[in-house]
Amino acid sequence: VTVVAPEPLPLVRVLGERMGEVFRDLHAEQG
């Protein structure tokens, strides 16, 4: 799986940068 998006972080428009980092790292740890 590869995820492509123009934003700098996942879910950043809804949750902001700090929480976006949580979801980015979660998915990265899962490959």
PDB file of all heavy atoms in Angstrom:
ATOM      1  N   VAL A   1       0.828  -1.211   0.000  1.00  0.00           N
ATOM      2  CA  VAL A   1       0.000   0.000   0.000  1.00  0.00           C
ATOM      3  C   VAL A   1       0.858   1.256   0.000  1.00  0.00           C
ATOM      4  O   VAL A   1       1.766   1.406   0.821  1.00  0.00           O
ATOM      5  CB  VAL A   1      -0.939   0.040   1.226  1.00  0.00           C
ATOM      6  CG1 VAL A   1      -1.793   1.306   1.203  1.00  0.00           C
ATOM      7  CG2 VAL A   1      -1.822  -1.203   1.259  1.00  0.00           C
ATOM      8  N   THR A   2       0.530   2.165  -0.921  1.00  0.00           N
ATOM      9  CA  THR A   2       1.088   3.515  -0.920  1.00  0.00           C
ATOM     10  C   THR A   2      -0.075   4.498  -0.889  1.00  0.00           C
ATOM     11  O   THR A   2      -1.050   4.335  -1.626  1.00  0.00           O
ATOM     12  CB  THR A   2       1.928   3.776  -2.182  1.00  0.00           C
ATOM     13  OG1 THR A   2       2.998   2.825  -2.233  1.00  0.00           O
ATOM     14  CG2 THR A   2       2.510   5.184  -2.162  1.00  0.00           C
ATOM     15  N   VAL A   3       0.025   5.500  -0.028  1.00  0.00           N
ATOM     16  CA  VAL A   3      -1.003   6.540   0.056  1.00  0.00           C
ATOM     17  C   VAL A   3      -0.416   7.837  -0.481  1.00  0.00           C
ATOM     18  O   VAL A   3       0.650   8.281  -0.036  1.00  0.00           O
ATOM     19  CB  VAL A   3      -1.506   6.741   1.493  1.00  0.00           C
ATOM     20  CG1 VAL A   3      -2.571   7.844   1.529  1.00  0.00           C
ATOM     21  CG2 VAL A   3      -2.082   5.447   2.039  1.00  0.00           C
ATOM     22  N   VAL A   4      -1.133   8.441  -1.431  1.00  0.00           N
ATOM     23  CA  VAL A   4      -0.714   9.698  -2.061  1.00  0.00           C
ATOM     24  C   VAL A   4      -1.696  10.787  -1.661  1.00  0.00           C
ATOM     25  O   VAL A   4      -2.922  10.593  -1.733  1.00  0.00           O
ATOM     26  CB  VAL A   4      -0.703   9.558  -3.596  1.00  0.00           C
ATOM     27  CG1 VAL A   4      -0.324  10.884  -4.247  1.00  0.00           C
ATOM     28  CG2 VAL A   4       0.238   8.441  -4.016  1.00  0.00           C
ATOM     29  N   ALA A   5      -1.179  11.938  -1.244  1.00  0.00           N
ATOM     30  CA  ALA A   5      -2.060  13.055  -0.888  1.00  0.00           C
ATOM     31  C   ALA A   5      -1.285  14.355  -0.971  1.00  0.00           C
ATOM     32  O   ALA A   5      -0.081  14.388  -0.693  1.00  0.00           O
ATOM     33  CB  ALA A   5      -2.628  12.880   0.520  1.00  0.00           C
ATOM     34  N   PRO A   6      -1.950  15.459  -1.345  1.00  0.00           N
ATOM     35  CA  PRO A   6      -1.256  16.744  -1.430  1.00  0.00           C
ATOM     36  C   PRO A   6      -0.959  17.361  -0.077  1.00  0.00           C
ATOM     37  O   PRO A   6      -0.096  18.240   0.016  1.00  0.00           O
ATOM     38  CB  PRO A   6      -2.235  17.610  -2.237  1.00  0.00           C
ATOM     39  CG  PRO A   6      -3.579  17.003  -1.979  1.00  0.00           C
ATOM     40  CD  PRO A   6      -3.338  15.526  -1.839  1.00  0.00           C
ATOM     41  N   GLU A   7      -1.664  16.934   0.966  1.00  0.00           N
ATOM     42  CA  GLU A   7      -1.434  17.512   2.295  1.00  0.00           C
ATOM     43  C   GLU A   7      -0.132  16.989   2.895  1.00  0.00           C
ATOM     44  O   GLU A   7       0.354  15.915   2.520  1.00  0.00           O
ATOM     45  CB  GLU A   7      -2.605  17.172   3.228  1.00  0.00           C
ATOM     46  CG  GLU A   7      -3.943  17.746   2.816  1.00  0.00           C
ATOM     47  CD  GLU A   7      -4.644  16.907   1.777  1.00  0.00           C
ATOM     48  OE1 GLU A   7      -4.216  15.738   1.547  1.00  0.00           O
ATOM     49  OE2 GLU A   7      -5.616  17.407   1.167  1.00  0.00           O
ATOM     50  N   PRO A   8       0.421  17.709   3.867  1.00  0.00           N
ATOM     51  CA  PRO A   8       1.673  17.265   4.485  1.00  0.00           C
ATOM     52  C   PRO A   8       1.499  16.119   5.461  1.00  0.00           C
ATOM     53  O   PRO A   8       2.478  15.446   5.803  1.00  0.00           O
ATOM     54  CB  PRO A   8       2.170  18.525   5.205  1.00  0.00           C
ATOM     55  CG  PRO A   8       0.927  19.304   5.507  1.00  0.00           C
ATOM     56  CD  PRO A   8       0.009  19.061   4.344  1.00  0.00           C
ATOM     57  N   LEU A   9       0.254  15.888   5.926  1.00  0.00           N
ATOM     58  CA  LEU A   9      -0.017  14.838   6.908  1.00  0.00           C
ATOM     59  C   LEU A   9      -1.420  14.293   6.668  1.00  0.00           C
ATOM     60  O   LEU A   9      -2.296  15.016   6.164  1.00  0.00           O
ATOM     61  CB  LEU A   9       0.063  15.390   8.332  1.00  0.00           C
ATOM     62  CG  LEU A   9       1.441  15.745   8.868  1.00  0.00           C
ATOM     63  CD1 LEU A   9       1.314  16.601  10.124  1.00  0.00           C
ATOM     64  CD2 LEU A   9       2.257  14.482   9.163  1.00  0.00           C
ATOM     65  N   PRO A  10      -1.680  13.042   7.047  1.00  0.00           N
ATOM     66  CA  PRO A  10      -3.048  12.541   6.950  1.00  0.00           C
ATOM     67  C   PRO A  10      -3.963  13.258   7.933  1.00  0.00           C
ATOM     68  O   PRO A  10      -3.537  13.642   9.036  1.00  0.00           O
ATOM     69  CB  PRO A  10      -2.907  11.056   7.308  1.00  0.00           C
ATOM     70  CG  PRO A  10      -1.676  10.984   8.142  1.00  0.00           C
ATOM     71  CD  PRO A  10      -0.758  12.030   7.574  1.00  0.00           C
ATOM     72  N   LEU A  11      -5.194  13.465   7.523  1.00  0.00           N
ATOM     73  CA  LEU A  11      -6.253  14.004   8.387  1.00  0.00           C
ATOM     74  C   LEU A  11      -5.935  15.384   8.955  1.00  0.00           C
ATOM     75  O   LEU A  11      -6.562  15.835   9.904  1.00  0.00           O
ATOM     76  CB  LEU A  11      -6.539  13.027   9.544  1.00  0.00           C
ATOM     77  CG  LEU A  11      -6.971  11.627   9.090  1.00  0.00           C
ATOM     78  CD1 LEU A  11      -6.875  10.642  10.245  1.00  0.00           C
ATOM     79  CD2 LEU A  11      -8.379  11.663   8.522  1.00  0.00           C
ATOM     80  N   VAL A  12      -4.981  16.071   8.360  1.00  0.00           N
ATOM     81  CA  VAL A  12      -4.523  17.332   8.942  1.00  0.00           C
ATOM     82  C   VAL A  12      -5.606  18.404   8.898  1.00  0.00           C
ATOM     83  O   VAL A  12      -5.671  19.264   9.797  1.00  0.00           O
ATOM     84  CB  VAL A  12      -3.223  17.808   8.249  1.00  0.00           C
ATOM     85  CG1 VAL A  12      -3.493  18.208   6.797  1.00  0.00           C
ATOM     86  CG2 VAL A  12      -2.564  18.941   9.023  1.00  0.00           C
ATOM     87  N   ARG A  13      -6.474  18.365   7.912  1.00  0.00           N
ATOM     88  CA  ARG A  13      -7.514  19.388   7.827  1.00  0.00           C
ATOM     89  C   ARG A  13      -8.556  19.232   8.922  1.00  0.00           C
ATOM     90  O   ARG A  13      -9.226  20.200   9.290  1.00  0.00           O
ATOM     91  CB  ARG A  13      -8.203  19.313   6.457  1.00  0.00           C
ATOM     92  CG  ARG A  13      -7.291  19.677   5.293  1.00  0.00           C
ATOM     93  CD  ARG A  13      -8.030  19.557   3.984  1.00  0.00           C
ATOM     94  NE  ARG A  13      -7.173  19.868   2.842  1.00  0.00           N
ATOM     95  CZ  ARG A  13      -7.545  19.769   1.577  1.00  0.00           C
ATOM     96  NH1 ARG A  13      -8.780  19.354   1.297  1.00  0.00           N
ATOM     97  NH2 ARG A  13      -6.711  20.067   0.605  1.00  0.00           N
ATOM     98  N   VAL A  14      -8.698  18.026   9.435  1.00  0.00           N
ATOM     99  CA  VAL A  14      -9.690  17.751  10.478  1.00  0.00           C
ATOM    100  C   VAL A  14      -9.073  17.804  11.866  1.00  0.00           C
ATOM    101  O   VAL A  14      -9.641  18.383  12.797  1.00  0.00           O
ATOM    102  CB  VAL A  14     -10.333  16.370  10.251  1.00  0.00           C
ATOM    103  CG1 VAL A  14     -11.391  16.079  11.314  1.00  0.00           C
ATOM    104  CG2 VAL A  14     -10.940  16.277   8.869  1.00  0.00           C
ATOM    105  N   LEU A  15      -7.889  17.207  12.007  1.00  0.00           N
ATOM    106  CA  LEU A  15      -7.300  17.011  13.330  1.00  0.00           C
ATOM    107  C   LEU A  15      -6.094  17.894  13.614  1.00  0.00           C
ATOM    108  O   LEU A  15      -5.667  17.971  14.770  1.00  0.00           O
ATOM    109  CB  LEU A  15      -6.881  15.543  13.494  1.00  0.00           C
ATOM    110  CG  LEU A  15      -7.981  14.495  13.313  1.00  0.00           C
ATOM    111  CD1 LEU A  15      -7.392  13.096  13.492  1.00  0.00           C
ATOM    112  CD2 LEU A  15      -9.121  14.726  14.285  1.00  0.00           C
ATOM    113  N   GLY A  16      -5.524  18.532  12.590  1.00  0.00           N
ATOM    114  CA  GLY A  16      -4.333  19.342  12.813  1.00  0.00           C
ATOM    115  C   GLY A  16      -3.060  18.517  12.747  1.00  0.00           C
ATOM    116  O   GLY A  16      -3.077  17.288  12.609  1.00  0.00           O
ATOM    117  N   GLU A  17      -1.935  19.195  12.858  1.00  0.00           N
ATOM    118  CA  GLU A  17      -0.636  18.564  12.628  1.00  0.00           C
ATOM    119  C   GLU A  17      -0.284  17.518  13.688  1.00  0.00           C
ATOM    120  O   GLU A  17       0.192  16.428  13.365  1.00  0.00           O
ATOM    121  CB  GLU A  17       0.455  19.639  12.581  1.00  0.00           C
ATOM    122  CG  GLU A  17       0.355  20.551  11.366  1.00  0.00           C
ATOM    123  CD  GLU A  17       1.500  21.541  11.290  1.00  0.00           C
ATOM    124  OE1 GLU A  17       2.408  21.472  12.160  1.00  0.00           O
ATOM    125  OE2 GLU A  17       1.496  22.378  10.376  1.00  0.00           O
ATOM    126  N   ARG A  18      -0.503  17.838  14.952  1.00  0.00           N
ATOM    127  CA  ARG A  18      -0.060  16.933  16.014  1.00  0.00           C
ATOM    128  C   ARG A  18      -0.765  15.579  15.919  1.00  0.00           C
ATOM    129  O   ARG A  18      -0.142  14.522  16.030  1.00  0.00           O
ATOM    130  CB  ARG A  18      -0.305  17.568  17.377  1.00  0.00           C
ATOM    131  CG  ARG A  18       0.394  16.853  18.526  1.00  0.00           C
ATOM    132  CD  ARG A  18       0.233  17.637  19.800  1.00  0.00           C
ATOM    133  NE  ARG A  18       0.940  17.028  20.902  1.00  0.00           N
ATOM    134  CZ  ARG A  18       0.835  17.432  22.173  1.00  0.00           C
ATOM    135  NH1 ARG A  18       0.058  18.469  22.468  1.00  0.00           N
ATOM    136  NH2 ARG A  18       1.498  16.810  23.124  1.00  0.00           N
ATOM    137  N   MET A  19      -2.079  15.589  15.700  1.00  0.00           N
ATOM    138  CA  MET A  19      -2.808  14.330  15.582  1.00  0.00           C
ATOM    139  C   MET A  19      -2.578  13.683  14.220  1.00  0.00           C
ATOM    140  O   MET A  19      -2.608  12.463  14.096  1.00  0.00           O
ATOM    141  CB  MET A  19      -4.304  14.564  15.817  1.00  0.00           C
ATOM    142  CG  MET A  19      -4.639  14.995  17.225  1.00  0.00           C
ATOM    143  SD  MET A  19      -4.105  13.819  18.501  1.00  0.00           S
ATOM    144  CE  MET A  19      -2.857  14.802  19.364  1.00  0.00           C
ATOM    145  N   GLY A  20      -2.337  14.501  13.190  1.00  0.00           N
ATOM    146  CA  GLY A  20      -1.994  13.940  11.895  1.00  0.00           C
ATOM    147  C   GLY A  20      -0.729  13.100  11.971  1.00  0.00           C
ATOM    148  O   GLY A  20      -0.617  12.050  11.313  1.00  0.00           O
ATOM    149  N   GLU A  21       0.227  13.524  12.772  1.00  0.00           N
ATOM    150  CA  GLU A  21       1.460  12.749  12.959  1.00  0.00           C
ATOM    151  C   GLU A  21       1.176  11.397  13.599  1.00  0.00           C
ATOM    152  O   GLU A  21       1.838  10.389  13.278  1.00  0.00           O
ATOM    153  CB  GLU A  21       2.439  13.549  13.813  1.00  0.00           C
ATOM    154  CG  GLU A  21       3.005  14.775  13.103  1.00  0.00           C
ATOM    155  CD  GLU A  21       3.829  15.663  14.032  1.00  0.00           C
ATOM    156  OE1 GLU A  21       3.846  15.382  15.262  1.00  0.00           O
ATOM    157  OE2 GLU A  21       4.439  16.625  13.535  1.00  0.00           O
ATOM    158  N   VAL A  22       0.206  11.346  14.495  1.00  0.00           N
ATOM    159  CA  VAL A  22      -0.150  10.077  15.137  1.00  0.00           C
ATOM    160  C   VAL A  22      -0.605   9.072  14.081  1.00  0.00           C
ATOM    161  O   VAL A  22      -0.163   7.906  14.075  1.00  0.00           O
ATOM    162  CB  VAL A  22      -1.261  10.294  16.191  1.00  0.00           C
ATOM    163  CG1 VAL A  22      -1.798   8.958  16.699  1.00  0.00           C
ATOM    164  CG2 VAL A  22      -0.740  11.135  17.351  1.00  0.00           C
ATOM    165  N   PHE A  23      -1.479   9.492  13.174  1.00  0.00           N
ATOM    166  CA  PHE A  23      -1.982   8.575  12.159  1.00  0.00           C
ATOM    167  C   PHE A  23      -0.932   8.272  11.100  1.00  0.00           C
ATOM    168  O   PHE A  23      -0.884   7.147  10.574  1.00  0.00           O
ATOM    169  CB  PHE A  23      -3.263   9.132  11.543  1.00  0.00           C
ATOM    170  CG  PHE A  23      -4.454   8.985  12.442  1.00  0.00           C
ATOM    171  CD1 PHE A  23      -4.774   9.960  13.374  1.00  0.00           C
ATOM    172  CD2 PHE A  23      -5.254   7.847  12.372  1.00  0.00           C
ATOM    173  CE1 PHE A  23      -5.871   9.813  14.215  1.00  0.00           C
ATOM    174  CE2 PHE A  23      -6.341   7.691  13.208  1.00  0.00           C
ATOM    175  CZ  PHE A  23      -6.660   8.675  14.137  1.00  0.00           C
ATOM    176  N   ARG A  24      -0.092   9.236  10.767  1.00  0.00           N
ATOM    177  CA  ARG A  24       1.008   8.950   9.836  1.00  0.00           C
ATOM    178  C   ARG A  24       1.910   7.849  10.387  1.00  0.00           C
ATOM    179  O   ARG A  24       2.231   6.873   9.693  1.00  0.00           O
ATOM    180  CB  ARG A  24       1.826  10.219   9.599  1.00  0.00           C
ATOM    181  CG  ARG A  24       3.031  10.022   8.667  1.00  0.00           C
ATOM    182  CD  ARG A  24       4.025  11.142   8.842  1.00  0.00           C
ATOM    183  NE  ARG A  24       4.541  11.218  10.215  1.00  0.00           N
ATOM    184  CZ  ARG A  24       5.219  12.249  10.718  1.00  0.00           C
ATOM    185  NH1 ARG A  24       5.438  13.317   9.961  1.00  0.00           N
ATOM    186  NH2 ARG A  24       5.666  12.220  11.966  1.00  0.00           N
ATOM    187  N   ASP A  25       2.309   7.975  11.642  1.00  0.00           N
ATOM    188  CA  ASP A  25       3.219   6.997  12.238  1.00  0.00           C
ATOM    189  C   ASP A  25       2.553   5.639  12.413  1.00  0.00           C
ATOM    190  O   ASP A  25       3.188   4.592  12.226  1.00  0.00           O
ATOM    191  CB  ASP A  25       3.722   7.515  13.594  1.00  0.00           C
ATOM    192  CG  ASP A  25       4.562   8.781  13.459  1.00  0.00           C
ATOM    193  OD1 ASP A  25       4.975   9.098  12.321  1.00  0.00           O
ATOM    194  OD2 ASP A  25       4.784   9.459  14.481  1.00  0.00           O
ATOM    195  N   LEU A  26       1.270   5.644  12.759  1.00  0.00           N
ATOM    196  CA  LEU A  26       0.533   4.389  12.897  1.00  0.00           C
ATOM    197  C   LEU A  26       0.585   3.582  11.607  1.00  0.00           C
ATOM    198  O   LEU A  26       0.908   2.386  11.604  1.00  0.00           O
ATOM    199  CB  LEU A  26      -0.925   4.693  13.266  1.00  0.00           C
ATOM    200  CG  LEU A  26      -1.912   3.531  13.198  1.00  0.00           C
ATOM    201  CD1 LEU A  26      -1.666   2.549  14.333  1.00  0.00           C
ATOM    202  CD2 LEU A  26      -3.346   4.053  13.234  1.00  0.00           C
ATOM    203  N   HIS A  27       0.283   4.221  10.488  1.00  0.00           N
ATOM    204  CA  HIS A  27       0.271   3.517   9.212  1.00  0.00           C
ATOM    205  C   HIS A  27       1.673   3.132   8.762  1.00  0.00           C
ATOM    206  O   HIS A  27       1.870   2.043   8.200  1.00  0.00           O
ATOM    207  CB  HIS A  27      -0.413   4.375   8.147  1.00  0.00           C
ATOM    208  CG  HIS A  27      -1.895   4.371   8.252  1.00  0.00           C
ATOM    209  ND1 HIS A  27      -2.689   3.486   7.570  1.00  0.00           N
ATOM    210  CD2 HIS A  27      -2.747   5.143   8.985  1.00  0.00           C
ATOM    211  CE1 HIS A  27      -3.961   3.708   7.861  1.00  0.00           C
ATOM    212  NE2 HIS A  27      -4.022   4.721   8.703  1.00  0.00           N
ATOM    213  N   ALA A  28       2.641   3.996   9.011  1.00  0.00           N
ATOM    214  CA  ALA A  28       4.020   3.673   8.630  1.00  0.00           C
ATOM    215  C   ALA A  28       4.507   2.424   9.361  1.00  0.00           C
ATOM    216  O   ALA A  28       5.177   1.565   8.770  1.00  0.00           O
ATOM    217  CB  ALA A  28       4.931   4.862   8.924  1.00  0.00           C
ATOM    218  N   GLU A  29       4.144   2.296  10.635  1.00  0.00           N
ATOM    219  CA  GLU A  29       4.536   1.115  11.406  1.00  0.00           C
ATOM    220  C   GLU A  29       3.912  -0.162  10.856  1.00  0.00           C
ATOM    221  O   GLU A  29       4.439  -1.261  11.040  1.00  0.00           O
ATOM    222  CB  GLU A  29       4.134   1.287  12.873  1.00  0.00           C
ATOM    223  CG  GLU A  29       4.948   2.330  13.612  1.00  0.00           C
ATOM    224  CD  GLU A  29       4.382   2.638  14.989  1.00  0.00           C
ATOM    225  OE1 GLU A  29       3.498   1.873  15.450  1.00  0.00           O
ATOM    226  OE2 GLU A  29       4.813   3.632  15.594  1.00  0.00           O
ATOM    227  N   GLN A  30       2.786  -0.018  10.162  1.00  0.00           N
ATOM    228  CA  GLN A  30       2.100  -1.172   9.589  1.00  0.00           C
ATOM    229  C   GLN A  30       2.511  -1.433   8.139  1.00  0.00           C
ATOM    230  O   GLN A  30       1.931  -2.296   7.472  1.00  0.00           O
ATOM    231  CB  GLN A  30       0.591  -0.964   9.665  1.00  0.00           C
ATOM    232  CG  GLN A  30       0.046  -0.875  11.083  1.00  0.00           C
ATOM    233  CD  GLN A  30       0.146  -2.179  11.831  1.00  0.00           C
ATOM    234  OE1 GLN A  30       0.123  -3.256  11.229  1.00  0.00           O
ATOM    235  NE2 GLN A  30       0.263  -2.111  13.154  1.00  0.00           N
ATOM    236  N   GLY A  31       3.499  -0.681   7.662  1.00  0.00           N
ATOM    237  CA  GLY A  31       4.043  -0.958   6.341  1.00  0.00           C
ATOM    238  C   GLY A  31       3.502  -0.112   5.207  1.00  0.00           C
ATOM    239  O   GLY A  31       3.819  -0.358   4.038  1.00  0.00           O
TER     240      GLY A  31
END
